[in-house]
Amino acid sequence: MPTYEYRCEACEYTFEELQPITAEPLRDCPKCHQPRLRRLFGTGAGLIFKGSGFYITDYRSESYKAAAKKELEQAGCGSDNCKCKNESD
């Protein structure tokens, strides 16, 4: 969720609020309670990525993955014929 910065045009109070991207902008100032808040432009800091990781291999196309698997199989990797395995013996 991004962090948005707000400023009240009535009392000039400035604060940050963590909100979903789909949320409507706040309208009422938490300090003076006037409906004069404006969302300021910002960089969107506070965005959190969750998951197993964000690596280039997480987003490869299926055709790329299939070609890479075929290449490994042709090299004998993953079997008793694996060159990598036999070199360490």
PDB file of N, CA and C in Angstrom:
ATOM      1  N   MET A   1       0.843  -1.178   0.000  1.00  0.00           N
ATOM      2  CA  MET A   1       0.000   0.000   0.000  1.00  0.00           C
ATOM      3  C   MET A   1       0.884   1.236   0.000  1.00  0.00           C
ATOM      4  N   PRO A   2       0.542   2.201  -0.812  1.00  0.00           N
ATOM      5  CA  PRO A   2       1.340   3.428  -0.836  1.00  0.00           C
ATOM      6  C   PRO A   2       0.994   4.360   0.323  1.00  0.00           C
ATOM      7  N   THR A   3       1.937   5.215   0.631  1.00  0.00           N
ATOM      8  CA  THR A   3       1.744   6.251   1.639  1.00  0.00           C
ATOM      9  C   THR A   3       1.463   7.556   0.911  1.00  0.00           C
ATOM     10  N   TYR A   4       0.341   8.190   1.249  1.00  0.00           N
ATOM     11  CA  TYR A   4      -0.027   9.457   0.621  1.00  0.00           C
ATOM     12  C   TYR A   4       0.180  10.597   1.608  1.00  0.00           C
ATOM     13  N   GLU A   5       0.588  11.729   1.085  1.00  0.00           N
ATOM     14  CA  GLU A   5       0.766  12.919   1.915  1.00  0.00           C
ATOM     15  C   GLU A   5      -0.409  13.857   1.668  1.00  0.00           C
ATOM     16  N   TYR A   6      -0.970  14.379   2.760  1.00  0.00           N
ATOM     17  CA  TYR A   6      -2.108  15.289   2.682  1.00  0.00           C
ATOM     18  C   TYR A   6      -1.760  16.605   3.357  1.00  0.00           C
ATOM     19  N   ARG A   7      -2.428  17.664   2.914  1.00  0.00           N
ATOM     20  CA  ARG A   7      -2.268  18.980   3.532  1.00  0.00           C
ATOM     21  C   ARG A   7      -3.642  19.638   3.596  1.00  0.00           C
ATOM     22  N   CYS A   8      -3.965  20.191   4.757  1.00  0.00           N
ATOM     23  CA  CYS A   8      -5.237  20.879   4.951  1.00  0.00           C
ATOM     24  C   CYS A   8      -5.086  22.331   4.502  1.00  0.00           C
ATOM     25  N   GLU A   9      -5.983  22.783   3.642  1.00  0.00           N
ATOM     26  CA  GLU A   9      -5.941  24.171   3.178  1.00  0.00           C
ATOM     27  C   GLU A   9      -6.475  25.140   4.221  1.00  0.00           C
ATOM     28  N   ALA A  10      -7.198  24.641   5.226  1.00  0.00           N
ATOM     29  CA  ALA A  10      -7.741  25.507   6.269  1.00  0.00           C
ATOM     30  C   ALA A  10      -6.716  25.790   7.368  1.00  0.00           C
ATOM     31  N   CYS A  11      -6.118  24.741   7.925  1.00  0.00           N
ATOM     32  CA  CYS A  11      -5.191  24.927   9.053  1.00  0.00           C
ATOM     33  C   CYS A  11      -3.736  24.632   8.688  1.00  0.00           C
ATOM     34  N   GLU A  12      -3.459  24.240   7.448  1.00  0.00           N
ATOM     35  CA  GLU A  12      -2.124  23.939   6.937  1.00  0.00           C
ATOM     36  C   GLU A  12      -1.462  22.729   7.606  1.00  0.00           C
ATOM     37  N   TYR A  13      -2.260  21.879   8.232  1.00  0.00           N
ATOM     38  CA  TYR A  13      -1.750  20.643   8.838  1.00  0.00           C
ATOM     39  C   TYR A  13      -1.351  19.677   7.726  1.00  0.00           C
ATOM     40  N   THR A  14      -0.147  19.097   7.836  1.00  0.00           N
ATOM     41  CA  THR A  14       0.360  18.147   6.850  1.00  0.00           C
ATOM     42  C   THR A  14       0.614  16.815   7.543  1.00  0.00           C
ATOM     43  N   PHE A  15       0.188  15.718   6.898  1.00  0.00           N
ATOM     44  CA  PHE A  15       0.381  14.391   7.471  1.00  0.00           C
ATOM     45  C   PHE A  15       0.426  13.347   6.360  1.00  0.00           C
ATOM     46  N   GLU A  16       0.865  12.148   6.735  1.00  0.00           N
ATOM     47  CA  GLU A  16       0.923  11.027   5.800  1.00  0.00           C
ATOM     48  C   GLU A  16      -0.101   9.986   6.210  1.00  0.00           C
ATOM     49  N   GLU A  17      -0.652   9.290   5.218  1.00  0.00           N
ATOM     50  CA  GLU A  17      -1.655   8.254   5.467  1.00  0.00           C
ATOM     51  C   GLU A  17      -1.372   7.050   4.572  1.00  0.00           C
ATOM     52  N   LEU A  18      -1.334   5.867   5.164  1.00  0.00           N
ATOM     53  CA  LEU A  18      -1.145   4.626   4.425  1.00  0.00           C
ATOM     54  C   LEU A  18      -2.519   4.169   3.942  1.00  0.00           C
ATOM     55  N   GLN A  19      -2.715   4.097   2.614  1.00  0.00           N
ATOM     56  CA  GLN A  19      -4.015   3.754   2.049  1.00  0.00           C
ATOM     57  C   GLN A  19      -3.856   2.827   0.853  1.00  0.00           C
ATOM     58  N   PRO A  20      -4.874   1.996   0.584  1.00  0.00           N
ATOM     59  CA  PRO A  20      -4.855   1.212  -0.655  1.00  0.00           C
ATOM     60  C   PRO A  20      -4.917   2.145  -1.866  1.00  0.00           C
ATOM     61  N   ILE A  21      -4.392   1.692  -2.981  1.00  0.00           N
ATOM     62  CA  ILE A  21      -4.406   2.501  -4.198  1.00  0.00           C
ATOM     63  C   ILE A  21      -5.837   2.806  -4.619  1.00  0.00           C
ATOM     64  N   THR A  22      -6.743   1.877  -4.355  1.00  0.00           N
ATOM     65  CA  THR A  22      -8.135   2.026  -4.781  1.00  0.00           C
ATOM     66  C   THR A  22      -8.959   2.921  -3.858  1.00  0.00           C
ATOM     67  N   ALA A  23      -8.409   3.336  -2.730  1.00  0.00           N
ATOM     68  CA  ALA A  23      -9.154   4.157  -1.768  1.00  0.00           C
ATOM     69  C   ALA A  23      -9.363   5.574  -2.291  1.00  0.00           C
ATOM     70  N   GLU A  24     -10.506   6.124  -1.967  1.00  0.00           N
ATOM     71  CA  GLU A  24     -10.793   7.519  -2.295  1.00  0.00           C
ATOM     72  C   GLU A  24      -9.905   8.423  -1.429  1.00  0.00           C
ATOM     73  N   PRO A  25      -9.505   9.585  -1.945  1.00  0.00           N
ATOM     74  CA  PRO A  25      -8.718  10.515  -1.128  1.00  0.00           C
ATOM     75  C   PRO A  25      -9.508  10.969   0.105  1.00  0.00           C
ATOM     76  N   LEU A  26      -8.795  11.184   1.196  1.00  0.00           N
ATOM     77  CA  LEU A  26      -9.437  11.700   2.404  1.00  0.00           C
ATOM     78  C   LEU A  26      -9.935  13.112   2.146  1.00  0.00           C
ATOM     79  N   ARG A  27     -10.995  13.513   2.847  1.00  0.00           N
ATOM     80  CA  ARG A  27     -11.548  14.856   2.646  1.00  0.00           C
ATOM     81  C   ARG A  27     -11.466  15.712   3.904  1.00  0.00           C
ATOM     82  N   ASP A  28     -11.725  15.101   5.069  1.00  0.00           N
ATOM     83  CA  ASP A  28     -11.789  15.871   6.313  1.00  0.00           C
ATOM     84  C   ASP A  28     -10.455  15.846   7.052  1.00  0.00           C
ATOM     85  N   CYS A  29     -10.026  17.012   7.488  1.00  0.00           N
ATOM     86  CA  CYS A  29      -8.777  17.151   8.233  1.00  0.00           C
ATOM     87  C   CYS A  29      -8.934  16.518   9.621  1.00  0.00           C
ATOM     88  N   PRO A  30      -7.977  15.671  10.044  1.00  0.00           N
ATOM     89  CA  PRO A  30      -8.074  15.068  11.373  1.00  0.00           C
ATOM     90  C   PRO A  30      -7.816  16.064  12.505  1.00  0.00           C
ATOM     91  N   LYS A  31      -7.259  17.221  12.185  1.00  0.00           N
ATOM     92  CA  LYS A  31      -6.943  18.219  13.209  1.00  0.00           C
ATOM     93  C   LYS A  31      -8.079  19.229  13.389  1.00  0.00           C
ATOM     94  N   CYS A  32      -8.506  19.875  12.281  1.00  0.00           N
ATOM     95  CA  CYS A  32      -9.537  20.918  12.394  1.00  0.00           C
ATOM     96  C   CYS A  32     -10.917  20.440  11.917  1.00  0.00           C
ATOM     97  N   HIS A  33     -10.983  19.243  11.347  1.00  0.00           N
ATOM     98  CA  HIS A  33     -12.224  18.608  10.895  1.00  0.00           C
ATOM     99  C   HIS A  33     -12.920  19.323   9.739  1.00  0.00           C
ATOM    100  N   GLN A  34     -12.214  20.212   9.056  1.00  0.00           N
ATOM    101  CA  GLN A  34     -12.768  20.882   7.878  1.00  0.00           C
ATOM    102  C   GLN A  34     -12.560  19.990   6.648  1.00  0.00           C
ATOM    103  N   PRO A  35     -13.496  20.018   5.699  1.00  0.00           N
ATOM    104  CA  PRO A  35     -13.343  19.207   4.481  1.00  0.00           C
ATOM    105  C   PRO A  35     -12.453  19.896   3.442  1.00  0.00           C
ATOM    106  N   ARG A  36     -11.224  20.221   3.829  1.00  0.00           N
ATOM    107  CA  ARG A  36     -10.332  21.003   2.963  1.00  0.00           C
ATOM    108  C   ARG A  36      -8.998  20.305   2.703  1.00  0.00           C
ATOM    109  N   LEU A  37      -8.974  18.981   2.791  1.00  0.00           N
ATOM    110  CA  LEU A  37      -7.728  18.250   2.548  1.00  0.00           C
ATOM    111  C   LEU A  37      -7.434  18.141   1.066  1.00  0.00           C
ATOM    112  N   ARG A  38      -6.150  18.182   0.755  1.00  0.00           N
ATOM    113  CA  ARG A  38      -5.677  17.967  -0.611  1.00  0.00           C
ATOM    114  C   ARG A  38      -4.572  16.925  -0.555  1.00  0.00           C
ATOM    115  N   ARG A  39      -4.661  15.959  -1.454  1.00  0.00           N
ATOM    116  CA  ARG A  39      -3.602  14.951  -1.554  1.00  0.00           C
ATOM    117  C   ARG A  39      -2.461  15.573  -2.342  1.00  0.00           C
ATOM    118  N   LEU A  40      -1.255  15.526  -1.777  1.00  0.00           N
ATOM    119  CA  LEU A  40      -0.087  16.098  -2.429  1.00  0.00           C
ATOM    120  C   LEU A  40       0.556  15.067  -3.346  1.00  0.00           C
ATOM    121  N   PHE A  41       1.258  15.538  -4.348  1.00  0.00           N
ATOM    122  CA  PHE A  41       1.997  14.642  -5.226  1.00  0.00           C
ATOM    123  C   PHE A  41       3.218  14.142  -4.482  1.00  0.00           C
ATOM    124  N   GLY A  42       3.483  12.871  -4.608  1.00  0.00           N
ATOM    125  CA  GLY A  42       4.636  12.292  -3.927  1.00  0.00           C
ATOM    126  C   GLY A  42       5.228  11.167  -4.741  1.00  0.00           C
ATOM    127  N   THR A  43       6.212  10.527  -4.158  1.00  0.00           N
ATOM    128  CA  THR A  43       6.896   9.448  -4.861  1.00  0.00           C
ATOM    129  C   THR A  43       6.255   8.094  -4.628  1.00  0.00           C
ATOM    130  N   GLY A  44       5.313   8.002  -3.708  1.00  0.00           N
ATOM    131  CA  GLY A  44       4.678   6.718  -3.439  1.00  0.00           C
ATOM    132  C   GLY A  44       5.509   5.818  -2.548  1.00  0.00           C
ATOM    133  N   ALA A  45       6.379   6.392  -1.753  1.00  0.00           N
ATOM    134  CA  ALA A  45       7.196   5.592  -0.845  1.00  0.00           C
ATOM    135  C   ALA A  45       6.286   4.831   0.101  1.00  0.00           C
ATOM    136  N   GLY A  46       6.728   3.706   0.518  1.00  0.00           N
ATOM    137  CA  GLY A  46       5.934   2.890   1.419  1.00  0.00           C
ATOM    138  C   GLY A  46       5.267   1.728   0.709  1.00  0.00           C
ATOM    139  N   LEU A  47       5.531   1.562  -0.554  1.00  0.00           N
ATOM    140  CA  LEU A  47       4.993   0.451  -1.317  1.00  0.00           C
ATOM    141  C   LEU A  47       5.757  -0.802  -0.923  1.00  0.00           C
ATOM    142  N   ILE A  48       5.038  -1.832  -0.506  1.00  0.00           N
ATOM    143  CA  ILE A  48       5.671  -3.044  -0.006  1.00  0.00           C
ATOM    144  C   ILE A  48       5.415  -4.190  -0.972  1.00  0.00           C
ATOM    145  N   PHE A  49       6.480  -4.856  -1.414  1.00  0.00           N
ATOM    146  CA  PHE A  49       6.364  -6.025  -2.269  1.00  0.00           C
ATOM    147  C   PHE A  49       6.462  -7.258  -1.387  1.00  0.00           C
ATOM    148  N   LYS A  50       5.485  -8.155  -1.500  1.00  0.00           N
ATOM    149  CA  LYS A  50       5.506  -9.390  -0.722  1.00  0.00           C
ATOM    150  C   LYS A  50       5.560 -10.571  -1.674  1.00  0.00           C
ATOM    151  N   GLY A  51       6.135 -11.636  -1.228  1.00  0.00           N
ATOM    152  CA  GLY A  51       6.181 -12.835  -2.051  1.00  0.00           C
ATOM    153  C   GLY A  51       7.520 -13.531  -1.922  1.00  0.00           C
ATOM    154  N   SER A  52       7.715 -14.507  -2.788  1.00  0.00           N
ATOM    155  CA  SER A  52       8.928 -15.316  -2.716  1.00  0.00           C
ATOM    156  C   SER A  52      10.154 -14.565  -3.206  1.00  0.00           C
ATOM    157  N   GLY A  53       9.954 -13.497  -3.912  1.00  0.00           N
ATOM    158  CA  GLY A  53      11.079 -12.718  -4.413  1.00  0.00           C
ATOM    159  C   GLY A  53      10.746 -12.116  -5.753  1.00  0.00           C
ATOM    160  N   PHE A  54      11.466 -11.123  -6.126  1.00  0.00           N
ATOM    161  CA  PHE A  54      11.233 -10.441  -7.380  1.00  0.00           C
ATOM    162  C   PHE A  54      12.505 -10.535  -8.203  1.00  0.00           C
ATOM    163  N   TYR A  55      12.677 -11.677  -8.833  1.00  0.00           N
ATOM    164  CA  TYR A  55      13.849 -11.945  -9.641  1.00  0.00           C
ATOM    165  C   TYR A  55      13.428 -12.093 -11.090  1.00  0.00           C
ATOM    166  N   ILE A  56      14.362 -11.933 -11.980  1.00  0.00           N
ATOM    167  CA  ILE A  56      14.058 -12.022 -13.409  1.00  0.00           C
ATOM    168  C   ILE A  56      13.499 -13.396 -13.762  1.00  0.00           C
ATOM    169  N   THR A  57      13.920 -14.430 -13.041  1.00  0.00           N
ATOM    170  CA  THR A  57      13.424 -15.775 -13.345  1.00  0.00           C
ATOM    171  C   THR A  57      11.975 -15.968 -12.925  1.00  0.00           C
ATOM    172  N   ASP A  58      11.476 -15.138 -12.033  1.00  0.00           N
ATOM    173  CA  ASP A  58      10.076 -15.238 -11.622  1.00  0.00           C
ATOM    174  C   ASP A  58       9.126 -14.819 -12.727  1.00  0.00           C
ATOM    175  N   TYR A  59       9.610 -14.089 -13.707  1.00  0.00           N
ATOM    176  CA  TYR A  59       8.738 -13.516 -14.719  1.00  0.00           C
ATOM    177  C   TYR A  59       9.073 -13.987 -16.126  1.00  0.00           C
ATOM    178  N   ARG A  60       9.812 -15.061 -16.273  1.00  0.00           N
ATOM    179  CA  ARG A  60      10.152 -15.574 -17.597  1.00  0.00           C
ATOM    180  C   ARG A  60       8.907 -16.171 -18.244  1.00  0.00           C
ATOM    181  N   SER A  61       8.851 -16.075 -19.556  1.00  0.00           N
ATOM    182  CA  SER A  61       7.726 -16.645 -20.298  1.00  0.00           C
ATOM    183  C   SER A  61       7.809 -18.168 -20.260  1.00  0.00           C
ATOM    184  N   GLU A  62       6.686 -18.805 -20.503  1.00  0.00           N
ATOM    185  CA  GLU A  62       6.651 -20.265 -20.504  1.00  0.00           C
ATOM    186  C   GLU A  62       7.535 -20.834 -21.612  1.00  0.00           C
ATOM    187  N   SER A  63       7.587 -20.159 -22.767  1.00  0.00           N
ATOM    188  CA  SER A  63       8.422 -20.654 -23.866  1.00  0.00           C
ATOM    189  C   SER A  63       9.906 -20.592 -23.490  1.00  0.00           C
ATOM    190  N   TYR A  64      10.309 -19.553 -22.755  1.00  0.00           N
ATOM    191  CA  TYR A  64      11.700 -19.446 -22.306  1.00  0.00           C
ATOM    192  C   TYR A  64      12.026 -20.574 -21.326  1.00  0.00           C
ATOM    193  N   LYS A  65      11.105 -20.823 -20.381  1.00  0.00           N
ATOM    194  CA  LYS A  65      11.329 -21.878 -19.395  1.00  0.00           C
ATOM    195  C   LYS A  65      11.437 -23.244 -20.071  1.00  0.00           C
ATOM    196  N   ALA A  66      10.581 -23.486 -21.076  1.00  0.00           N
ATOM    197  CA  ALA A  66      10.604 -24.769 -21.790  1.00  0.00           C
ATOM    198  C   ALA A  66      11.922 -24.945 -22.544  1.00  0.00           C
ATOM    199  N   ALA A  67      12.399 -23.881 -23.194  1.00  0.00           N
ATOM    200  CA  ALA A  67      13.663 -23.950 -23.933  1.00  0.00           C
ATOM    201  C   ALA A  67      14.836 -24.184 -22.981  1.00  0.00           C
ATOM    202  N   ALA A  68      14.832 -23.538 -21.829  1.00  0.00           N
ATOM    203  CA  ALA A  68      15.903 -23.712 -20.847  1.00  0.00           C
ATOM    204  C   ALA A  68      15.908 -25.138 -20.303  1.00  0.00           C
ATOM    205  N   LYS A  69      14.715 -25.678 -20.050  1.00  0.00           N
ATOM    206  CA  LYS A  69      14.616 -27.051 -19.551  1.00  0.00           C
ATOM    207  C   LYS A  69      15.142 -28.038 -20.592  1.00  0.00           C
ATOM    208  N   LYS A  70      14.766 -27.817 -21.860  1.00  0.00           N
ATOM    209  CA  LYS A  70      15.215 -28.693 -22.943  1.00  0.00           C
ATOM    210  C   LYS A  70      16.743 -28.655 -23.063  1.00  0.00           C
ATOM    211  N   GLU A  71      17.310 -27.454 -22.929  1.00  0.00           N
ATOM    212  CA  GLU A  71      18.766 -27.296 -23.010  1.00  0.00           C
ATOM    213  C   GLU A  71      19.465 -28.059 -21.888  1.00  0.00           C
ATOM    214  N   LEU A  72      18.911 -27.994 -20.681  1.00  0.00           N
ATOM    215  CA  LEU A  72      19.496 -28.724 -19.552  1.00  0.00           C
ATOM    216  C   LEU A  72      19.405 -30.227 -19.767  1.00  0.00           C
ATOM    217  N   GLU A  73      18.259 -30.670 -20.284  1.00  0.00           N
ATOM    218  CA  GLU A  73      18.087 -32.102 -20.528  1.00  0.00           C
ATOM    219  C   GLU A  73      19.074 -32.600 -21.582  1.00  0.00           C
ATOM    220  N   GLN A  74      19.298 -31.796 -22.624  1.00  0.00           N
ATOM    221  CA  GLN A  74      20.236 -32.183 -23.677  1.00  0.00           C
ATOM    222  C   GLN A  74      21.665 -32.249 -23.140  1.00  0.00           C
ATOM    223  N   ALA A  75      21.965 -31.418 -22.160  1.00  0.00           N
ATOM    224  CA  ALA A  75      23.301 -31.417 -21.559  1.00  0.00           C
ATOM    225  C   ALA A  75      23.458 -32.560 -20.565  1.00  0.00           C
ATOM    226  N   GLY A  76      22.345 -33.242 -20.262  1.00  0.00           N
ATOM    227  CA  GLY A  76      22.395 -34.365 -19.335  1.00  0.00           C
ATOM    228  C   GLY A  76      22.240 -33.956 -17.887  1.00  0.00           C
ATOM    229  N   CYS A  77      21.943 -32.690 -17.613  1.00  0.00           N
ATOM    230  CA  CYS A  77      21.783 -32.228 -16.234  1.00  0.00           C
ATOM    231  C   CYS A  77      20.544 -32.863 -15.613  1.00  0.00           C
ATOM    232  N   GLY A  78      20.655 -33.203 -14.367  1.00  0.00           N
ATOM    233  CA  GLY A  78      19.540 -33.802 -13.652  1.00  0.00           C
ATOM    234  C   GLY A  78      19.505 -35.320 -13.787  1.00  0.00           C
ATOM    235  N   SER A  79      20.469 -35.902 -14.440  1.00  0.00           N
ATOM    236  CA  SER A  79      20.519 -37.361 -14.593  1.00  0.00           C
ATOM    237  C   SER A  79      21.914 -37.847 -14.219  1.00  0.00           C
ATOM    238  N   ASP A  80      22.121 -39.157 -14.357  1.00  0.00           N
ATOM    239  CA  ASP A  80      23.449 -39.718 -14.064  1.00  0.00           C
ATOM    240  C   ASP A  80      24.485 -39.293 -15.091  1.00  0.00           C
ATOM    241  N   ASN A  81      24.034 -38.796 -16.243  1.00  0.00           N
ATOM    242  CA  ASN A  81      24.948 -38.356 -17.302  1.00  0.00           C
ATOM    243  C   ASN A  81      25.360 -36.890 -17.154  1.00  0.00           C
ATOM    244  N   CYS A  82      24.945 -36.254 -16.089  1.00  0.00           N
ATOM    245  CA  CYS A  82      25.212 -34.823 -15.897  1.00  0.00           C
ATOM    246  C   CYS A  82      26.721 -34.569 -15.865  1.00  0.00           C
ATOM    247  N   LYS A  83      27.166 -33.685 -16.728  1.00  0.00           N
ATOM    248  CA  LYS A  83      28.589 -33.347 -16.791  1.00  0.00           C
ATOM    249  C   LYS A  83      29.051 -32.693 -15.496  1.00  0.00           C
ATOM    250  N   CYS A  84      28.187 -31.868 -14.925  1.00  0.00           N
ATOM    251  CA  CYS A  84      28.538 -31.183 -13.676  1.00  0.00           C
ATOM    252  C   CYS A  84      28.763 -32.203 -12.564  1.00  0.00           C
ATOM    253  N   LYS A  85      27.884 -33.184 -12.495  1.00  0.00           N
ATOM    254  CA  LYS A  85      27.958 -34.207 -11.461  1.00  0.00           C
ATOM    255  C   LYS A  85      29.212 -35.067 -11.635  1.00  0.00           C
ATOM    256  N   ASN A  86      29.513 -35.447 -12.863  1.00  0.00           N
ATOM    257  CA  ASN A  86      30.654 -36.321 -13.140  1.00  0.00           C
ATOM    258  C   ASN A  86      31.994 -35.620 -12.958  1.00  0.00           C
ATOM    259  N   GLU A  87      32.035 -34.297 -13.145  1.00  0.00           N
ATOM    260  CA  GLU A  87      33.292 -33.556 -12.973  1.00  0.00           C
ATOM    261  C   GLU A  87      33.723 -33.514 -11.520  1.00  0.00           C
ATOM    262  N   SER A  88      32.749 -33.490 -10.590  1.00  0.00           N
ATOM    263  CA  SER A  88      33.094 -33.385  -9.173  1.00  0.00           C
ATOM    264  C   SER A  88      33.509 -34.726  -8.587  1.00  0.00           C
ATOM    265  N   ASP A  89      33.233 -35.837  -9.287  1.00  0.00           N
ATOM    266  CA  ASP A  89      33.588 -37.177  -8.788  1.00  0.00           C
ATOM    267  C   ASP A  89      35.047 -37.472  -8.899  1.00  0.00           C
TER     268      ASP A  89
END
